[in-house]
Amino acid sequence: MKKSVFIMVMPLILLGSIKNSFSDAQSVLQENVDNINRVYENLTNKNPPCLWIHVRSQEQMMVIKKPEIEAWLESIKLDDKKIDLRPIELVDSGPKESQLRFFFKQDINQAEQFLKKLKDSLPLLQLKDFSGQYENILEPGHFELWLAPETVLKTP
């Protein structure tokens, strides 16, 4: 009688053990999948695109700092990421024409999106590719808007 109980109970014990092992293995597998997903997100999610604006006069600076202009610039999204508007810089020299500059080949699509969004306010704006020139000091997603002298940014 004891042998028959043992024979009947043993498969249940083994089944419970297998179920626990499967549950442990499933837990480890899920943890690995989660780790892989985190690594992938870190590799593919860049910081938000940054926009540095370079102006040539105090008048241009005042226009850019108008709340409605700043709000409009900050509302621009590239690939569903809001622009990180950096401090405006007053410079003594720069290009003769207004330029939107990008510095990494992989940013070309965002640069073209950006150009389209800025064209209504800056119809003569040109896109300039500086990739390969500053890659060791800048990061992908770095954009610069250089306003030519006498350029007036129109309210969108």
N, C-alpha and C. Protein backbone atom coordinates (compact mmCIF):
# COMPACT_ATOMS: atom_id res chain seq x y z
N MET A 1 0.82 -1.19 0.00
CA MET A 1 0.00 0.00 0.00
C MET A 1 0.86 1.25 0.00
N LYS A 2 1.92 1.26 0.78
CA LYS A 2 2.78 2.43 0.84
C LYS A 2 3.46 2.67 -0.50
N LYS A 3 3.80 1.58 -1.19
CA LYS A 3 4.44 1.71 -2.48
C LYS A 3 3.50 2.34 -3.49
N SER A 4 2.27 1.98 -3.49
CA SER A 4 1.31 2.52 -4.45
C SER A 4 1.05 4.01 -4.19
N VAL A 5 1.04 4.42 -2.94
CA VAL A 5 0.87 5.85 -2.61
C VAL A 5 2.09 6.62 -3.12
N PHE A 6 3.25 6.03 -2.88
CA PHE A 6 4.48 6.67 -3.33
C PHE A 6 4.49 6.82 -4.85
N ILE A 7 4.06 5.78 -5.55
CA ILE A 7 4.02 5.79 -7.01
C ILE A 7 3.01 6.83 -7.49
N MET A 8 1.94 7.02 -6.78
CA MET A 8 0.94 8.01 -7.18
C MET A 8 1.37 9.43 -6.81
N VAL A 9 2.06 9.59 -5.71
CA VAL A 9 2.45 10.92 -5.23
C VAL A 9 3.70 11.43 -5.96
N MET A 10 4.61 10.52 -6.28
CA MET A 10 5.88 10.92 -6.89
C MET A 10 5.69 11.72 -8.18
N PRO A 11 4.82 11.32 -9.11
CA PRO A 11 4.62 12.13 -10.32
C PRO A 11 4.12 13.54 -9.99
N LEU A 12 3.31 13.66 -8.96
CA LEU A 12 2.82 14.98 -8.57
C LEU A 12 3.96 15.85 -8.02
N ILE A 13 4.84 15.24 -7.26
CA ILE A 13 6.01 15.96 -6.73
C ILE A 13 6.91 16.39 -7.88
N LEU A 14 7.14 15.45 -8.81
CA LEU A 14 7.98 15.77 -9.97
C LEU A 14 7.34 16.86 -10.82
N LEU A 15 6.05 16.78 -11.02
CA LEU A 15 5.34 17.78 -11.80
C LEU A 15 5.45 19.15 -11.15
N GLY A 16 5.29 19.18 -9.82
CA GLY A 16 5.44 20.45 -9.10
C GLY A 16 6.85 20.99 -9.23
N SER A 17 7.82 20.11 -9.16
CA SER A 17 9.22 20.52 -9.29
C SER A 17 9.49 21.05 -10.69
N ILE A 18 8.98 20.38 -11.70
CA ILE A 18 9.15 20.82 -13.08
C ILE A 18 8.47 22.17 -13.29
N LYS A 19 7.27 22.31 -12.72
CA LYS A 19 6.53 23.57 -12.86
C LYS A 19 7.31 24.71 -12.21
N ASN A 20 7.89 24.46 -11.03
CA ASN A 20 8.71 25.50 -10.37
C ASN A 20 9.94 25.81 -11.20
N SER A 21 10.58 24.79 -11.76
CA SER A 21 11.76 25.01 -12.60
C SER A 21 11.38 25.81 -13.84
N PHE A 22 10.24 25.47 -14.45
CA PHE A 22 9.77 26.20 -15.62
C PHE A 22 9.49 27.65 -15.26
N SER A 23 8.87 27.86 -14.13
CA SER A 23 8.57 29.21 -13.67
C SER A 23 9.85 30.00 -13.43
N ASP A 24 10.86 29.35 -12.82
CA ASP A 24 12.15 30.01 -12.59
C ASP A 24 12.82 30.35 -13.92
N ALA A 25 12.79 29.38 -14.85
CA ALA A 25 13.41 29.61 -16.16
C ALA A 25 12.69 30.73 -16.90
N GLN A 26 11.38 30.76 -16.81
CA GLN A 26 10.59 31.80 -17.45
C GLN A 26 10.93 33.17 -16.86
N SER A 27 11.11 33.21 -15.55
CA SER A 27 11.47 34.45 -14.88
C SER A 27 12.84 34.95 -15.33
N VAL A 28 13.80 34.03 -15.41
CA VAL A 28 15.15 34.39 -15.87
C VAL A 28 15.10 34.87 -17.32
N LEU A 29 14.33 34.16 -18.15
CA LEU A 29 14.19 34.54 -19.55
C LEU A 29 13.59 35.93 -19.67
N GLN A 30 12.54 36.22 -18.91
CA GLN A 30 11.90 37.54 -18.96
C GLN A 30 12.85 38.63 -18.51
N GLU A 31 13.65 38.34 -17.49
CA GLU A 31 14.64 39.30 -17.00
C GLU A 31 15.67 39.60 -18.10
N ASN A 32 16.10 38.56 -18.82
CA ASN A 32 17.04 38.76 -19.92
C ASN A 32 16.42 39.59 -21.05
N VAL A 33 15.17 39.30 -21.37
CA VAL A 33 14.48 40.07 -22.41
C VAL A 33 14.38 41.54 -21.98
N ASP A 34 14.03 41.79 -20.73
CA ASP A 34 13.93 43.16 -20.22
C ASP A 34 15.28 43.87 -20.30
N ASN A 35 16.36 43.17 -19.95
CA ASN A 35 17.70 43.75 -20.03
C ASN A 35 18.07 44.09 -21.47
N ILE A 36 17.77 43.19 -22.39
CA ILE A 36 18.05 43.44 -23.80
C ILE A 36 17.26 44.65 -24.29
N ASN A 37 16.01 44.75 -23.90
CA ASN A 37 15.19 45.90 -24.30
C ASN A 37 15.77 47.20 -23.77
N ARG A 38 16.24 47.20 -22.52
CA ARG A 38 16.84 48.42 -21.95
C ARG A 38 18.11 48.81 -22.70
N VAL A 39 18.94 47.83 -23.03
CA VAL A 39 20.16 48.11 -23.78
C VAL A 39 19.80 48.67 -25.16
N TYR A 40 18.83 48.08 -25.82
CA TYR A 40 18.41 48.55 -27.14
C TYR A 40 17.89 49.98 -27.06
N GLU A 41 17.06 50.29 -26.07
CA GLU A 41 16.55 51.65 -25.91
C GLU A 41 17.68 52.64 -25.69
N ASN A 42 18.66 52.27 -24.87
CA ASN A 42 19.79 53.16 -24.62
C ASN A 42 20.61 53.40 -25.89
N LEU A 43 20.71 52.39 -26.74
CA LEU A 43 21.48 52.55 -27.96
C LEU A 43 20.73 53.35 -29.01
N THR A 44 19.42 53.21 -29.07
CA THR A 44 18.65 53.85 -30.14
C THR A 44 18.01 55.17 -29.73
N ASN A 45 17.75 55.38 -28.46
CA ASN A 45 17.13 56.63 -28.04
C ASN A 45 18.19 57.69 -27.82
N LYS A 46 18.26 58.61 -28.76
CA LYS A 46 19.18 59.72 -28.59
C LYS A 46 18.55 60.71 -27.62
N ASN A 47 19.39 61.57 -27.15
CA ASN A 47 18.87 62.71 -26.41
C ASN A 47 18.01 63.52 -27.36
N PRO A 48 17.15 64.37 -26.83
CA PRO A 48 16.35 65.18 -27.75
C PRO A 48 17.25 66.07 -28.61
N PRO A 49 16.80 66.38 -29.82
CA PRO A 49 17.60 67.25 -30.67
C PRO A 49 17.81 68.61 -29.99
N CYS A 50 19.01 69.15 -30.11
CA CYS A 50 19.35 70.44 -29.51
C CYS A 50 19.48 71.49 -30.61
N LEU A 51 18.93 72.66 -30.34
CA LEU A 51 19.05 73.77 -31.28
C LEU A 51 19.79 74.91 -30.62
N TRP A 52 20.90 75.27 -31.21
CA TRP A 52 21.68 76.43 -30.80
C TRP A 52 21.40 77.52 -31.83
N ILE A 53 21.04 78.71 -31.37
CA ILE A 53 20.74 79.81 -32.28
C ILE A 53 21.84 80.86 -32.14
N HIS A 54 22.39 81.26 -33.28
CA HIS A 54 23.44 82.27 -33.32
C HIS A 54 22.88 83.49 -34.04
N VAL A 55 22.86 84.63 -33.34
CA VAL A 55 22.35 85.87 -33.91
C VAL A 55 23.48 86.87 -34.04
N ARG A 56 23.25 87.89 -34.89
CA ARG A 56 24.30 88.86 -35.16
C ARG A 56 24.04 90.22 -34.52
N SER A 57 22.83 90.39 -33.94
CA SER A 57 22.52 91.70 -33.35
C SER A 57 21.61 91.53 -32.14
N GLN A 58 21.59 92.57 -31.33
CA GLN A 58 20.69 92.59 -30.17
C GLN A 58 19.23 92.56 -30.64
N GLU A 59 18.94 93.19 -31.78
CA GLU A 59 17.57 93.20 -32.31
C GLU A 59 17.11 91.78 -32.63
N GLN A 60 17.98 90.99 -33.28
CA GLN A 60 17.64 89.60 -33.56
C GLN A 60 17.45 88.82 -32.27
N MET A 61 18.30 89.09 -31.30
CA MET A 61 18.20 88.42 -30.00
C MET A 61 16.85 88.71 -29.36
N MET A 62 16.41 89.97 -29.39
CA MET A 62 15.13 90.34 -28.78
C MET A 62 13.96 89.66 -29.48
N VAL A 63 14.04 89.53 -30.80
CA VAL A 63 12.96 88.87 -31.55
C VAL A 63 12.89 87.40 -31.15
N ILE A 64 14.04 86.72 -31.11
CA ILE A 64 14.06 85.30 -30.75
C ILE A 64 13.56 85.10 -29.33
N LYS A 65 13.82 86.04 -28.45
CA LYS A 65 13.42 85.89 -27.05
C LYS A 65 11.96 86.26 -26.79
N LYS A 66 11.25 86.71 -27.81
CA LYS A 66 9.82 86.97 -27.62
C LYS A 66 9.15 85.67 -27.19
N PRO A 67 8.26 85.74 -26.20
CA PRO A 67 7.63 84.51 -25.70
C PRO A 67 6.96 83.67 -26.79
N GLU A 68 6.31 84.32 -27.75
CA GLU A 68 5.62 83.53 -28.78
C GLU A 68 6.62 82.84 -29.72
N ILE A 69 7.76 83.48 -29.97
CA ILE A 69 8.78 82.85 -30.82
C ILE A 69 9.45 81.70 -30.08
N GLU A 70 9.83 81.94 -28.83
CA GLU A 70 10.44 80.86 -28.03
C GLU A 70 9.48 79.68 -27.89
N ALA A 71 8.21 79.98 -27.62
CA ALA A 71 7.22 78.90 -27.47
C ALA A 71 7.08 78.11 -28.77
N TRP A 72 7.06 78.81 -29.89
CA TRP A 72 6.96 78.13 -31.19
C TRP A 72 8.18 77.25 -31.42
N LEU A 73 9.38 77.77 -31.18
CA LEU A 73 10.60 76.97 -31.38
C LEU A 73 10.61 75.75 -30.46
N GLU A 74 10.21 75.95 -29.20
CA GLU A 74 10.20 74.83 -28.25
C GLU A 74 9.13 73.80 -28.58
N SER A 75 8.12 74.19 -29.35
CA SER A 75 7.04 73.25 -29.69
C SER A 75 7.40 72.36 -30.89
N ILE A 76 8.46 72.70 -31.60
CA ILE A 76 8.84 71.92 -32.77
C ILE A 76 9.31 70.52 -32.32
N LYS A 77 8.81 69.53 -33.04
CA LYS A 77 9.19 68.15 -32.77
C LYS A 77 9.85 67.55 -34.00
N LEU A 78 10.89 66.78 -33.74
CA LEU A 78 11.54 66.01 -34.80
C LEU A 78 11.48 64.55 -34.38
N ASP A 79 10.88 63.74 -35.22
CA ASP A 79 10.69 62.32 -34.88
C ASP A 79 10.02 62.17 -33.52
N ASP A 80 9.01 62.96 -33.27
CA ASP A 80 8.23 62.94 -32.02
C ASP A 80 9.03 63.33 -30.78
N LYS A 81 10.16 64.00 -30.95
CA LYS A 81 10.94 64.49 -29.81
C LYS A 81 10.98 66.01 -29.87
N LYS A 82 10.65 66.64 -28.74
CA LYS A 82 10.69 68.10 -28.69
C LYS A 82 12.14 68.59 -28.76
N ILE A 83 12.29 69.75 -29.33
CA ILE A 83 13.60 70.39 -29.45
C ILE A 83 14.04 70.91 -28.09
N ASP A 84 15.31 70.71 -27.79
CA ASP A 84 15.91 71.29 -26.60
C ASP A 84 16.54 72.61 -27.04
N LEU A 85 15.86 73.70 -26.78
CA LEU A 85 16.32 75.03 -27.20
C LEU A 85 17.41 75.49 -26.25
N ARG A 86 18.60 75.67 -26.77
CA ARG A 86 19.77 76.07 -25.99
C ARG A 86 19.85 77.60 -25.92
N PRO A 87 20.70 78.14 -25.06
CA PRO A 87 20.81 79.61 -24.97
C PRO A 87 21.20 80.24 -26.31
N ILE A 88 20.64 81.39 -26.58
CA ILE A 88 20.93 82.11 -27.81
C ILE A 88 22.30 82.76 -27.68
N GLU A 89 23.07 82.70 -28.76
CA GLU A 89 24.41 83.26 -28.73
C GLU A 89 24.53 84.43 -29.69
N LEU A 90 25.04 85.54 -29.19
CA LEU A 90 25.33 86.71 -30.00
C LEU A 90 26.76 86.56 -30.52
N VAL A 91 26.90 86.55 -31.85
CA VAL A 91 28.22 86.35 -32.46
C VAL A 91 28.58 87.55 -33.34
N ASP A 92 29.87 87.79 -33.47
CA ASP A 92 30.35 88.91 -34.28
C ASP A 92 30.39 88.60 -35.77
N SER A 93 30.58 87.33 -36.10
CA SER A 93 30.68 86.97 -37.51
C SER A 93 29.91 85.69 -37.76
N GLY A 94 29.68 85.43 -39.03
CA GLY A 94 28.95 84.23 -39.42
C GLY A 94 28.67 84.25 -40.90
N PRO A 95 27.83 83.36 -41.37
CA PRO A 95 27.55 83.29 -42.81
C PRO A 95 26.74 84.49 -43.29
N LYS A 96 26.84 84.75 -44.59
CA LYS A 96 26.10 85.86 -45.20
C LYS A 96 24.63 85.52 -45.38
N GLU A 97 24.32 84.22 -45.42
CA GLU A 97 22.93 83.77 -45.55
C GLU A 97 22.57 82.96 -44.30
N SER A 98 21.30 82.95 -43.98
CA SER A 98 20.85 82.18 -42.81
C SER A 98 20.99 80.70 -43.10
N GLN A 99 21.47 79.95 -42.10
CA GLN A 99 21.73 78.53 -42.29
C GLN A 99 21.21 77.71 -41.12
N LEU A 100 20.71 76.54 -41.45
CA LEU A 100 20.45 75.51 -40.46
C LEU A 100 21.53 74.47 -40.68
N ARG A 101 22.38 74.28 -39.67
CA ARG A 101 23.52 73.38 -39.80
C ARG A 101 23.27 72.07 -39.04
N PHE A 102 23.73 70.97 -39.65
CA PHE A 102 23.74 69.69 -38.95
C PHE A 102 25.13 69.10 -39.11
N PHE A 103 25.49 68.17 -38.21
CA PHE A 103 26.88 67.75 -38.09
C PHE A 103 27.11 66.24 -38.18
N PHE A 104 26.03 65.48 -38.39
CA PHE A 104 26.15 64.02 -38.49
C PHE A 104 25.26 63.54 -39.63
N LYS A 105 25.80 62.67 -40.47
CA LYS A 105 25.04 62.14 -41.62
C LYS A 105 23.71 61.54 -41.17
N GLN A 106 23.70 60.87 -40.01
CA GLN A 106 22.46 60.22 -39.57
C GLN A 106 21.39 61.24 -39.17
N ASP A 107 21.74 62.51 -39.08
CA ASP A 107 20.76 63.56 -38.73
C ASP A 107 20.12 64.21 -39.95
N ILE A 108 20.44 63.75 -41.14
CA ILE A 108 19.93 64.39 -42.36
C ILE A 108 18.41 64.43 -42.40
N ASN A 109 17.73 63.34 -42.03
CA ASN A 109 16.27 63.32 -42.09
C ASN A 109 15.67 64.33 -41.12
N GLN A 110 16.20 64.39 -39.90
CA GLN A 110 15.71 65.37 -38.93
C GLN A 110 16.02 66.78 -39.41
N ALA A 111 17.18 66.98 -40.00
CA ALA A 111 17.55 68.31 -40.50
C ALA A 111 16.58 68.77 -41.58
N GLU A 112 16.21 67.86 -42.46
CA GLU A 112 15.25 68.21 -43.52
C GLU A 112 13.87 68.50 -42.94
N GLN A 113 13.44 67.73 -41.93
CA GLN A 113 12.17 68.01 -41.25
C GLN A 113 12.21 69.40 -40.62
N PHE A 114 13.32 69.67 -39.95
CA PHE A 114 13.52 70.93 -39.25
C PHE A 114 13.46 72.10 -40.24
N LEU A 115 14.16 71.96 -41.36
CA LEU A 115 14.18 72.99 -42.39
C LEU A 115 12.76 73.32 -42.86
N LYS A 116 11.96 72.30 -43.11
CA LYS A 116 10.58 72.51 -43.55
C LYS A 116 9.79 73.30 -42.51
N LYS A 117 10.03 73.02 -41.24
CA LYS A 117 9.28 73.69 -40.18
C LYS A 117 9.73 75.14 -39.98
N LEU A 118 10.95 75.45 -40.35
CA LEU A 118 11.48 76.80 -40.18
C LEU A 118 11.29 77.68 -41.42
N LYS A 119 11.04 77.06 -42.57
CA LYS A 119 10.98 77.79 -43.84
C LYS A 119 9.90 78.88 -43.88
N ASP A 120 8.77 78.67 -43.23
CA ASP A 120 7.72 79.70 -43.26
C ASP A 120 8.20 80.98 -42.59
N SER A 121 8.98 80.85 -41.53
CA SER A 121 9.47 82.01 -40.81
C SER A 121 10.79 82.54 -41.38
N LEU A 122 11.53 81.66 -42.05
CA LEU A 122 12.82 82.03 -42.65
C LEU A 122 12.88 81.46 -44.07
N PRO A 123 12.19 82.11 -45.01
CA PRO A 123 12.07 81.54 -46.35
C PRO A 123 13.40 81.34 -47.09
N LEU A 124 14.43 82.11 -46.77
CA LEU A 124 15.72 81.98 -47.45
C LEU A 124 16.69 81.07 -46.71
N LEU A 125 16.23 80.38 -45.70
CA LEU A 125 17.07 79.51 -44.89
C LEU A 125 17.65 78.38 -45.74
N GLN A 126 18.96 78.13 -45.56
CA GLN A 126 19.65 77.07 -46.29
C GLN A 126 20.09 75.98 -45.33
N LEU A 127 20.04 74.74 -45.80
CA LEU A 127 20.51 73.60 -45.01
C LEU A 127 21.97 73.35 -45.35
N LYS A 128 22.81 73.26 -44.32
CA LYS A 128 24.25 73.06 -44.52
C LYS A 128 24.71 71.82 -43.76
N ASP A 129 25.39 70.94 -44.47
CA ASP A 129 25.91 69.69 -43.92
C ASP A 129 27.36 69.89 -43.49
N PHE A 130 27.60 69.82 -42.19
CA PHE A 130 28.95 69.94 -41.64
C PHE A 130 29.42 68.59 -41.07
N SER A 131 28.80 67.50 -41.55
CA SER A 131 29.16 66.19 -41.00
C SER A 131 30.62 65.88 -41.32
N GLY A 132 31.24 65.23 -40.37
CA GLY A 132 32.64 64.86 -40.51
C GLY A 132 33.61 65.92 -40.00
N GLN A 133 33.12 67.13 -39.74
CA GLN A 133 34.02 68.20 -39.34
C GLN A 133 34.13 68.38 -37.83
N TYR A 134 33.04 68.09 -37.12
CA TYR A 134 33.03 68.33 -35.68
C TYR A 134 32.56 67.12 -34.88
N GLU A 135 32.56 65.95 -35.49
CA GLU A 135 32.01 64.75 -34.85
C GLU A 135 32.72 64.37 -33.56
N ASN A 136 33.97 64.77 -33.40
CA ASN A 136 34.69 64.40 -32.19
C ASN A 136 34.37 65.32 -31.01
N ILE A 137 33.69 66.44 -31.25
CA ILE A 137 33.35 67.33 -30.13
C ILE A 137 31.84 67.53 -29.95
N LEU A 138 31.06 67.13 -30.94
CA LEU A 138 29.60 67.28 -30.86
C LEU A 138 28.95 65.90 -30.80
N GLU A 139 27.66 65.90 -30.49
CA GLU A 139 26.90 64.65 -30.46
C GLU A 139 25.80 64.69 -31.52
N PRO A 140 25.37 63.53 -32.00
CA PRO A 140 24.25 63.52 -32.94
C PRO A 140 23.04 64.26 -32.35
N GLY A 141 22.27 64.89 -33.23
CA GLY A 141 21.12 65.66 -32.77
C GLY A 141 21.46 67.11 -32.47
N HIS A 142 22.68 67.53 -32.79
CA HIS A 142 23.11 68.91 -32.57
C HIS A 142 22.81 69.71 -33.84
N PHE A 143 21.99 70.75 -33.71
CA PHE A 143 21.64 71.62 -34.84
C PHE A 143 21.95 73.05 -34.46
N GLU A 144 22.35 73.82 -35.44
CA GLU A 144 22.62 75.24 -35.22
C GLU A 144 21.88 76.06 -36.26
N LEU A 145 21.21 77.09 -35.78
CA LEU A 145 20.55 78.05 -36.65
C LEU A 145 21.39 79.33 -36.61
N TRP A 146 21.96 79.69 -37.74
CA TRP A 146 22.77 80.89 -37.86
C TRP A 146 21.96 81.90 -38.65
N LEU A 147 21.64 83.03 -38.02
CA LEU A 147 20.90 84.07 -38.72
C LEU A 147 21.89 85.04 -39.37
N ALA A 148 21.65 85.31 -40.63
CA ALA A 148 22.47 86.27 -41.35
C ALA A 148 22.15 87.67 -40.85
N PRO A 149 23.10 88.60 -41.05
CA PRO A 149 22.80 89.99 -40.65
C PRO A 149 21.53 90.46 -41.36
N GLU A 150 20.77 91.26 -40.68
CA GLU A 150 19.54 91.85 -41.21
C GLU A 150 18.40 90.83 -41.38
N THR A 151 18.59 89.58 -41.06
CA THR A 151 17.51 88.59 -41.16
C THR A 151 16.52 88.82 -40.03
N VAL A 152 15.26 88.83 -40.40
CA VAL A 152 14.20 88.99 -39.41
C VAL A 152 13.37 87.72 -39.39
N LEU A 153 13.27 87.14 -38.23
CA LEU A 153 12.45 85.94 -38.07
C LEU A 153 10.99 86.36 -37.98
N LYS A 154 10.18 85.84 -38.87
CA LYS A 154 8.75 86.17 -38.87
C LYS A 154 8.02 85.24 -37.92
N THR A 155 6.98 85.76 -37.29
CA THR A 155 6.16 84.94 -36.42
C THR A 155 5.42 83.93 -37.29
N PRO A 156 5.50 82.66 -36.92
CA PRO A 156 4.83 81.62 -37.72
C PRO A 156 3.31 81.71 -37.63
